[in-house]
């Protein structure tokens, strides 16, 4: 599960890091307390000409609404999609096939439960400035009034993190970004399985520490708990 994350970089830094060719972001400010239904940046590849693919960054509502849904709000949480079932769930399978994205993050939060006490932990990449989570997106609404919505894929947490929480997002190494985003290909369960395997090393080397309760939105939220 990934229900809260941080993205502490500017719009310009985001575009540089992901080699973005075009931006649809009208405004983005660093945030250290991003929750479901917030507007978040996502990275996609789109076909511009028959022989050219352009990478763009744009806004999305974090909680995927499938194209066939009657309302934007779903009756169940859709901010995460389980990698084990994403290819078969009606909510996600169309997006997996044709609408894959990267969700940039500086790190994410999980809560460790000890009896009645829940302590948030901040988990972040040890050797990179950002994670690039495997994500999906969907266009909901009528033409001209469409809302882009998105979700983050999750997997079983590796042994170094499962003591905090049994699930984790699926971060992708740089060399897999284009394969995951490829707008010419139709994805299936095998691609998801490959991406989960590729995420193992990143997660195994991730750093983490407990933090104070998440209140407000500032860089102090990711500082180690005294």
C-alpha atoms as a PDB file:
ATOM      1  CA  UNK A   1       0.000   0.000   0.000  1.00  0.00           C
ATOM      2  CA  UNK A   2       1.133   3.532  -0.708  1.00  0.00           C
ATOM      3  CA  UNK A   3      -1.287   6.087   0.676  1.00  0.00           C
ATOM      4  CA  UNK A   4       1.012   9.053   1.215  1.00  0.00           C
ATOM      5  CA  UNK A   5       4.181  10.257  -0.485  1.00  0.00           C
ATOM      6  CA  UNK A   6       6.490  13.222  -0.985  1.00  0.00           C
ATOM      7  CA  UNK A   7       7.746  14.994  -4.101  1.00  0.00           C
ATOM      8  CA  UNK A   8      10.112  17.714  -2.976  1.00  0.00           C
ATOM      9  CA  UNK A   9      11.308  19.009  -6.353  1.00  0.00           C
ATOM     10  CA  UNK A  10      10.327  21.875  -8.619  1.00  0.00           C
ATOM     11  CA  UNK A  11       8.577  21.562 -11.961  1.00  0.00           C
ATOM     12  CA  UNK A  12      11.845  22.367 -13.742  1.00  0.00           C
ATOM     13  CA  UNK A  13      13.763  19.691 -11.822  1.00  0.00           C
ATOM     14  CA  UNK A  14      11.030  17.195 -12.610  1.00  0.00           C
ATOM     15  CA  UNK A  15      11.216  17.902 -16.346  1.00  0.00           C
ATOM     16  CA  UNK A  16      15.012  17.663 -16.362  1.00  0.00           C
ATOM     17  CA  UNK A  17      15.140  14.406 -14.401  1.00  0.00           C
ATOM     18  CA  UNK A  18      12.657  12.610 -16.654  1.00  0.00           C
ATOM     19  CA  UNK A  19      13.843  14.207 -19.928  1.00  0.00           C
ATOM     20  CA  UNK A  20      10.396  15.641 -20.572  1.00  0.00           C
ATOM     21  CA  UNK A  21       9.740  17.115 -24.008  1.00  0.00           C
ATOM     22  CA  UNK A  22       6.483  18.926 -23.184  1.00  0.00           C
ATOM     23  CA  UNK A  23       4.645  19.985 -20.053  1.00  0.00           C
ATOM     24  CA  UNK A  24       0.938  20.257 -19.339  1.00  0.00           C
ATOM     25  CA  UNK A  25       1.524  21.270 -15.736  1.00  0.00           C
ATOM     26  CA  UNK A  26       0.196  24.765 -15.172  1.00  0.00           C
ATOM     27  CA  UNK A  27       1.455  24.828 -11.604  1.00  0.00           C
ATOM     28  CA  UNK A  28       3.421  22.507  -9.351  1.00  0.00           C
ATOM     29  CA  UNK A  29       5.041  23.233  -6.001  1.00  0.00           C
ATOM     30  CA  UNK A  30       7.080  20.754  -3.957  1.00  0.00           C
ATOM     31  CA  UNK A  31       4.949  18.793  -1.494  1.00  0.00           C
ATOM     32  CA  UNK A  32       5.875  16.448   1.351  1.00  0.00           C
ATOM     33  CA  UNK A  33       2.390  15.236   2.235  1.00  0.00           C
ATOM     34  CA  UNK A  34       0.586  14.070  -0.904  1.00  0.00           C
ATOM     35  CA  UNK A  35      -2.637  12.164  -0.209  1.00  0.00           C
ATOM     36  CA  UNK A  36      -5.178  10.365  -2.426  1.00  0.00           C
ATOM     37  CA  UNK A  37      -7.347  12.610  -4.653  1.00  0.00           C
ATOM     38  CA  UNK A  38      -4.625  15.288  -4.703  1.00  0.00           C
ATOM     39  CA  UNK A  39      -3.496  16.583  -8.091  1.00  0.00           C
ATOM     40  CA  UNK A  40      -0.122  15.005  -8.860  1.00  0.00           C
ATOM     41  CA  UNK A  41       2.371  15.088 -11.753  1.00  0.00           C
ATOM     42  CA  UNK A  42       2.543  11.982 -13.938  1.00  0.00           C
ATOM     43  CA  UNK A  43       4.898  11.144 -16.808  1.00  0.00           C
ATOM     44  CA  UNK A  44       3.628   9.523 -20.018  1.00  0.00           C
ATOM     45  CA  UNK A  45       4.920   8.836 -23.520  1.00  0.00           C
ATOM     46  CA  UNK A  46       2.588   9.694 -26.396  1.00  0.00           C
ATOM     47  CA  UNK A  47       2.792   9.227 -30.150  1.00  0.00           C
ATOM     48  CA  UNK A  48       3.155  12.603 -31.871  1.00  0.00           C
ATOM     49  CA  UNK A  49       3.917  11.376 -35.376  1.00  0.00           C
ATOM     50  CA  UNK A  50       3.911   7.840 -36.695  1.00  0.00           C
ATOM     51  CA  UNK A  51       7.630   7.597 -35.997  1.00  0.00           C
ATOM     52  CA  UNK A  52       8.067   9.908 -33.003  1.00  0.00           C
ATOM     53  CA  UNK A  53       7.270   9.507 -29.311  1.00  0.00           C
ATOM     54  CA  UNK A  54       7.193  12.516 -26.988  1.00  0.00           C
ATOM     55  CA  UNK A  55       7.532  12.359 -23.206  1.00  0.00           C
ATOM     56  CA  UNK A  56       5.228  14.717 -21.338  1.00  0.00           C
ATOM     57  CA  UNK A  57       4.443  15.601 -17.745  1.00  0.00           C
ATOM     58  CA  UNK A  58       0.904  16.490 -16.800  1.00  0.00           C
ATOM     59  CA  UNK A  59      -1.526  16.684 -13.885  1.00  0.00           C
ATOM     60  CA  UNK A  60      -3.693  13.814 -12.680  1.00  0.00           C
ATOM     61  CA  UNK A  61      -6.059  13.145  -9.809  1.00  0.00           C
ATOM     62  CA  UNK A  62      -4.511  10.489  -7.582  1.00  0.00           C
ATOM     63  CA  UNK A  63      -7.236   7.799  -7.495  1.00  0.00           C
ATOM     64  CA  UNK A  64      -8.019   6.137 -10.791  1.00  0.00           C
ATOM     65  CA  UNK A  65     -11.540   6.342 -12.172  1.00  0.00           C
ATOM     66  CA  UNK A  66     -12.143   3.952 -15.092  1.00  0.00           C
ATOM     67  CA  UNK A  67     -13.579   5.436 -18.267  1.00  0.00           C
ATOM     68  CA  UNK A  68     -16.860   3.556 -17.837  1.00  0.00           C
ATOM     69  CA  UNK A  69     -17.568   4.774 -14.284  1.00  0.00           C
ATOM     70  CA  UNK A  70     -20.703   6.887 -13.817  1.00  0.00           C
ATOM     71  CA  UNK A  71     -19.103   9.208 -11.254  1.00  0.00           C
ATOM     72  CA  UNK A  72     -15.599  10.502 -10.608  1.00  0.00           C
ATOM     73  CA  UNK A  73     -15.690   9.249  -7.022  1.00  0.00           C
ATOM     74  CA  UNK A  74     -15.363   5.468  -6.839  1.00  0.00           C
ATOM     75  CA  UNK A  75     -17.070   3.387  -4.116  1.00  0.00           C
ATOM     76  CA  UNK A  76     -13.737   1.751  -3.236  1.00  0.00           C
ATOM     77  CA  UNK A  77     -10.120   2.973  -2.971  1.00  0.00           C
ATOM     78  CA  UNK A  78      -8.289   3.117  -6.309  1.00  0.00           C
ATOM     79  CA  UNK A  79      -5.138   5.059  -5.429  1.00  0.00           C
ATOM     80  CA  UNK A  80      -3.242   1.738  -5.513  1.00  0.00           C
ATOM     81  CA  UNK A  81      -3.481  -1.205  -7.911  1.00  0.00           C
ATOM     82  CA  UNK A  82      -2.148  -4.581  -6.799  1.00  0.00           C
ATOM     83  CA  UNK A  83       0.386  -5.893  -9.315  1.00  0.00           C
ATOM     84  CA  UNK A  84      -0.847  -9.450  -8.745  1.00  0.00           C
ATOM     85  CA  UNK A  85      -4.374  -8.685 -10.029  1.00  0.00           C
ATOM     86  CA  UNK A  86      -4.075  -5.488 -12.081  1.00  0.00           C
ATOM     87  CA  UNK A  87      -4.309  -7.338 -15.413  1.00  0.00           C
ATOM     88  CA  UNK A  88      -7.650  -8.946 -14.514  1.00  0.00           C
ATOM     89  CA  UNK A  89      -9.468  -6.296 -12.459  1.00  0.00           C
ATOM     90  CA  UNK A  90     -12.049  -4.434 -14.605  1.00  0.00           C
ATOM     91  CA  UNK A  91     -11.109  -1.137 -12.929  1.00  0.00           C
ATOM     92  CA  UNK A  92      -7.488  -1.322 -14.076  1.00  0.00           C
ATOM     93  CA  UNK A  93      -7.028  -3.733 -16.973  1.00  0.00           C
ATOM     94  CA  UNK A  94      -7.823  -1.252 -19.759  1.00  0.00           C
ATOM     95  CA  UNK A  95      -5.409   1.291 -18.301  1.00  0.00           C
ATOM     96  CA  UNK A  96      -2.717  -1.368 -17.961  1.00  0.00           C
ATOM     97  CA  UNK A  97      -3.098  -2.326 -21.594  1.00  0.00           C
ATOM     98  CA  UNK A  98      -2.914   1.180 -23.048  1.00  0.00           C
ATOM     99  CA  UNK A  99      -2.323   3.929 -20.444  1.00  0.00           C
ATOM    100  CA  UNK A 100       0.785   3.427 -18.347  1.00  0.00           C
ATOM    101  CA  UNK A 101       2.592   6.192 -16.472  1.00  0.00           C
ATOM    102  CA  UNK A 102       5.436   6.988 -14.141  1.00  0.00           C
ATOM    103  CA  UNK A 103       4.574   8.607 -10.814  1.00  0.00           C
ATOM    104  CA  UNK A 104       7.558  10.678  -9.559  1.00  0.00           C
ATOM    105  CA  UNK A 105       8.250  10.643  -5.810  1.00  0.00           C
ATOM    106  CA  UNK A 106      11.080  11.681  -3.508  1.00  0.00           C
ATOM    107  CA  UNK A 107       9.919   9.001  -1.085  1.00  0.00           C
ATOM    108  CA  UNK A 108       6.807   7.510   0.463  1.00  0.00           C
ATOM    109  CA  UNK A 109       5.329   6.881   3.897  1.00  0.00           C
ATOM    110  CA  UNK A 110       4.150   3.661   5.498  1.00  0.00           C
ATOM    111  CA  UNK A 111       2.818   3.162   9.010  1.00  0.00           C
ATOM    112  CA  UNK A 112       4.260   0.491  11.294  1.00  0.00           C
ATOM    113  CA  UNK A 113       1.691  -0.841  13.758  1.00  0.00           C
ATOM    114  CA  UNK A 114       2.777  -1.957  17.216  1.00  0.00           C
ATOM    115  CA  UNK A 115      -0.282  -2.755  19.290  1.00  0.00           C
ATOM    116  CA  UNK A 116      -2.358   0.417  19.271  1.00  0.00           C
ATOM    117  CA  UNK A 117       0.550   2.604  18.186  1.00  0.00           C
ATOM    118  CA  UNK A 118       1.079   3.526  14.533  1.00  0.00           C
ATOM    119  CA  UNK A 119       4.380   5.157  13.607  1.00  0.00           C
ATOM    120  CA  UNK A 120       4.943   6.618  10.128  1.00  0.00           C
ATOM    121  CA  UNK A 121       8.193   5.716   8.380  1.00  0.00           C
ATOM    122  CA  UNK A 122       9.689   7.608   5.457  1.00  0.00           C
ATOM    123  CA  UNK A 123      11.139   5.327   2.760  1.00  0.00           C
ATOM    124  CA  UNK A 124      13.329   6.841   0.061  1.00  0.00           C
ATOM    125  CA  UNK A 125      15.875   5.829  -2.621  1.00  0.00           C
ATOM    126  CA  UNK A 126      19.419   5.458  -1.326  1.00  0.00           C
ATOM    127  CA  UNK A 127      21.248   6.265  -4.561  1.00  0.00           C
ATOM    128  CA  UNK A 128      18.810   8.413  -6.541  1.00  0.00           C
ATOM    129  CA  UNK A 129      17.020  11.667  -5.871  1.00  0.00           C
ATOM    130  CA  UNK A 130      13.640  10.317  -6.995  1.00  0.00           C
ATOM    131  CA  UNK A 131      11.583   7.172  -7.290  1.00  0.00           C
ATOM    132  CA  UNK A 132       9.660   6.563 -10.511  1.00  0.00           C
ATOM    133  CA  UNK A 133       6.704   4.412  -9.479  1.00  0.00           C
ATOM    134  CA  UNK A 134       4.945   2.275 -12.062  1.00  0.00           C
ATOM    135  CA  UNK A 135       1.513   3.819 -12.493  1.00  0.00           C
ATOM    136  CA  UNK A 136      -1.588   3.806 -14.666  1.00  0.00           C
ATOM    137  CA  UNK A 137      -3.837   6.613 -15.819  1.00  0.00           C
ATOM    138  CA  UNK A 138      -7.338   6.975 -17.208  1.00  0.00           C
ATOM    139  CA  UNK A 139      -9.414   9.704 -18.844  1.00  0.00           C
ATOM    140  CA  UNK A 140     -12.823  10.131 -17.231  1.00  0.00           C
ATOM    141  CA  UNK A 141     -15.662  12.383 -18.335  1.00  0.00           C
ATOM    142  CA  UNK A 142     -17.003  13.816 -21.555  1.00  0.00           C
ATOM    143  CA  UNK A 143     -14.883  15.272 -24.335  1.00  0.00           C
ATOM    144  CA  UNK A 144     -13.682  18.728 -23.360  1.00  0.00           C
ATOM    145  CA  UNK A 145     -14.306  18.076 -19.678  1.00  0.00           C
ATOM    146  CA  UNK A 146     -12.128  15.042 -19.141  1.00  0.00           C
ATOM    147  CA  UNK A 147     -10.279  14.461 -15.891  1.00  0.00           C
ATOM    148  CA  UNK A 148      -7.005  12.528 -15.874  1.00  0.00           C
ATOM    149  CA  UNK A 149      -6.862  10.107 -12.948  1.00  0.00           C
ATOM    150  CA  UNK A 150      -4.017   7.839 -11.854  1.00  0.00           C
ATOM    151  CA  UNK A 151      -2.989   4.991  -9.575  1.00  0.00           C
ATOM    152  CA  UNK A 152       0.277   3.534  -8.230  1.00  0.00           C
ATOM    153  CA  UNK A 153       1.093  -0.150  -8.633  1.00  0.00           C
ATOM    154  CA  UNK A 154       1.995  -2.080  -5.489  1.00  0.00           C
ATOM    155  CA  UNK A 155       3.687  -5.386  -4.696  1.00  0.00           C
ATOM    156  CA  UNK A 156       4.681  -7.472  -1.708  1.00  0.00           C
ATOM    157  CA  UNK A 157       7.318  -5.601   0.263  1.00  0.00           C
ATOM    158  CA  UNK A 158      10.822  -7.115   0.268  1.00  0.00           C
ATOM    159  CA  UNK A 159      12.195  -8.497   3.526  1.00  0.00           C
ATOM    160  CA  UNK A 160      14.012  -5.290   4.463  1.00  0.00           C
ATOM    161  CA  UNK A 161      10.726  -3.354   4.407  1.00  0.00           C
ATOM    162  CA  UNK A 162       8.011  -5.865   5.315  1.00  0.00           C
ATOM    163  CA  UNK A 163       8.609  -5.223   9.009  1.00  0.00           C
ATOM    164  CA  UNK A 164       7.185  -1.745   8.408  1.00  0.00           C
ATOM    165  CA  UNK A 165       4.341  -2.711   6.062  1.00  0.00           C
ATOM    166  CA  UNK A 166       3.602  -5.826   3.961  1.00  0.00           C
ATOM    167  CA  UNK A 167       3.112  -3.845   0.720  1.00  0.00           C
ATOM    168  CA  UNK A 168       5.246  -1.373  -1.206  1.00  0.00           C
ATOM    169  CA  UNK A 169       5.017   0.587  -4.472  1.00  0.00           C
ATOM    170  CA  UNK A 170       6.793  -0.640  -7.626  1.00  0.00           C
ATOM    171  CA  UNK A 171       9.718   1.716  -8.412  1.00  0.00           C
ATOM    172  CA  UNK A 172      11.272   1.312 -11.856  1.00  0.00           C
ATOM    173  CA  UNK A 173      14.943   1.660 -12.815  1.00  0.00           C
ATOM    174  CA  UNK A 174      15.760   4.242 -15.473  1.00  0.00           C
ATOM    175  CA  UNK A 175      16.452   1.631 -18.135  1.00  0.00           C
ATOM    176  CA  UNK A 176      12.871   0.308 -17.836  1.00  0.00           C
ATOM    177  CA  UNK A 177      11.020   3.610 -18.140  1.00  0.00           C
ATOM    178  CA  UNK A 178      10.611   3.529 -21.912  1.00  0.00           C
ATOM    179  CA  UNK A 179       9.509  -0.090 -21.912  1.00  0.00           C
ATOM    180  CA  UNK A 180       6.843   0.576 -19.305  1.00  0.00           C
ATOM    181  CA  UNK A 181       5.614   3.741 -21.026  1.00  0.00           C
ATOM    182  CA  UNK A 182       5.795   2.438 -24.625  1.00  0.00           C
ATOM    183  CA  UNK A 183       2.584   3.734 -26.286  1.00  0.00           C
ATOM    184  CA  UNK A 184       2.992   1.303 -29.181  1.00  0.00           C
ATOM    185  CA  UNK A 185       2.709  -1.806 -26.994  1.00  0.00           C
ATOM    186  CA  UNK A 186      -0.224  -3.470 -25.253  1.00  0.00           C
ATOM    187  CA  UNK A 187       0.795  -4.521 -21.758  1.00  0.00           C
ATOM    188  CA  UNK A 188      -0.180  -7.720 -19.999  1.00  0.00           C
ATOM    189  CA  UNK A 189       0.557  -9.582 -16.773  1.00  0.00           C
ATOM    190  CA  UNK A 190       4.022 -10.545 -18.026  1.00  0.00           C
ATOM    191  CA  UNK A 191       5.122  -6.921 -18.310  1.00  0.00           C
ATOM    192  CA  UNK A 192       3.878  -6.261 -14.783  1.00  0.00           C
ATOM    193  CA  UNK A 193       5.761  -9.297 -13.502  1.00  0.00           C
ATOM    194  CA  UNK A 194       8.926  -8.069 -15.213  1.00  0.00           C
ATOM    195  CA  UNK A 195       8.572  -4.610 -13.672  1.00  0.00           C
ATOM    196  CA  UNK A 196       8.033  -6.065 -10.202  1.00  0.00           C
ATOM    197  CA  UNK A 197      11.233  -8.086 -10.615  1.00  0.00           C
ATOM    198  CA  UNK A 198      13.113  -4.969 -11.744  1.00  0.00           C
ATOM    199  CA  UNK A 199      11.922  -3.074  -8.664  1.00  0.00           C
ATOM    200  CA  UNK A 200      13.457  -5.554  -6.228  1.00  0.00           C
ATOM    201  CA  UNK A 201      16.973  -4.099  -6.159  1.00  0.00           C
ATOM    202  CA  UNK A 202      15.750  -0.516  -5.739  1.00  0.00           C
ATOM    203  CA  UNK A 203      13.592  -1.488  -2.769  1.00  0.00           C
ATOM    204  CA  UNK A 204      16.263  -3.668  -1.196  1.00  0.00           C
ATOM    205  CA  UNK A 205      18.636  -0.690  -1.150  1.00  0.00           C
ATOM    206  CA  UNK A 206      16.049   1.858  -0.005  1.00  0.00           C
ATOM    207  CA  UNK A 207      16.687   3.820   3.168  1.00  0.00           C
ATOM    208  CA  UNK A 208      14.061   4.498   5.819  1.00  0.00           C
ATOM    209  CA  UNK A 209      13.509   6.056   9.223  1.00  0.00           C
ATOM    210  CA  UNK A 210      10.583   6.811  11.556  1.00  0.00           C
ATOM    211  CA  UNK A 211       9.131  10.309  11.386  1.00  0.00           C
ATOM    212  CA  UNK A 212       6.734  12.410  13.415  1.00  0.00           C
ATOM    213  CA  UNK A 213       2.966  12.360  12.689  1.00  0.00           C
ATOM    214  CA  UNK A 214       2.160  13.852   9.290  1.00  0.00           C
ATOM    215  CA  UNK A 215       0.622  17.265   9.838  1.00  0.00           C
ATOM    216  CA  UNK A 216       0.828  20.182   7.450  1.00  0.00           C
ATOM    217  CA  UNK A 217       3.159  20.174   4.458  1.00  0.00           C
ATOM    218  CA  UNK A 218       6.845  21.014   4.851  1.00  0.00           C
ATOM    219  CA  UNK A 219      10.288  19.383   4.505  1.00  0.00           C
ATOM    220  CA  UNK A 220      10.219  18.772   8.265  1.00  0.00           C
ATOM    221  CA  UNK A 221       7.818  15.884   7.671  1.00  0.00           C
ATOM    222  CA  UNK A 222      10.589  13.696   6.244  1.00  0.00           C
ATOM    223  CA  UNK A 223      13.120  14.416   8.983  1.00  0.00           C
ATOM    224  CA  UNK A 224      13.979  11.510  11.340  1.00  0.00           C
ATOM    225  CA  UNK A 225      11.958  11.341  14.529  1.00  0.00           C
ATOM    226  CA  UNK A 226      14.088  12.482  17.505  1.00  0.00           C
END
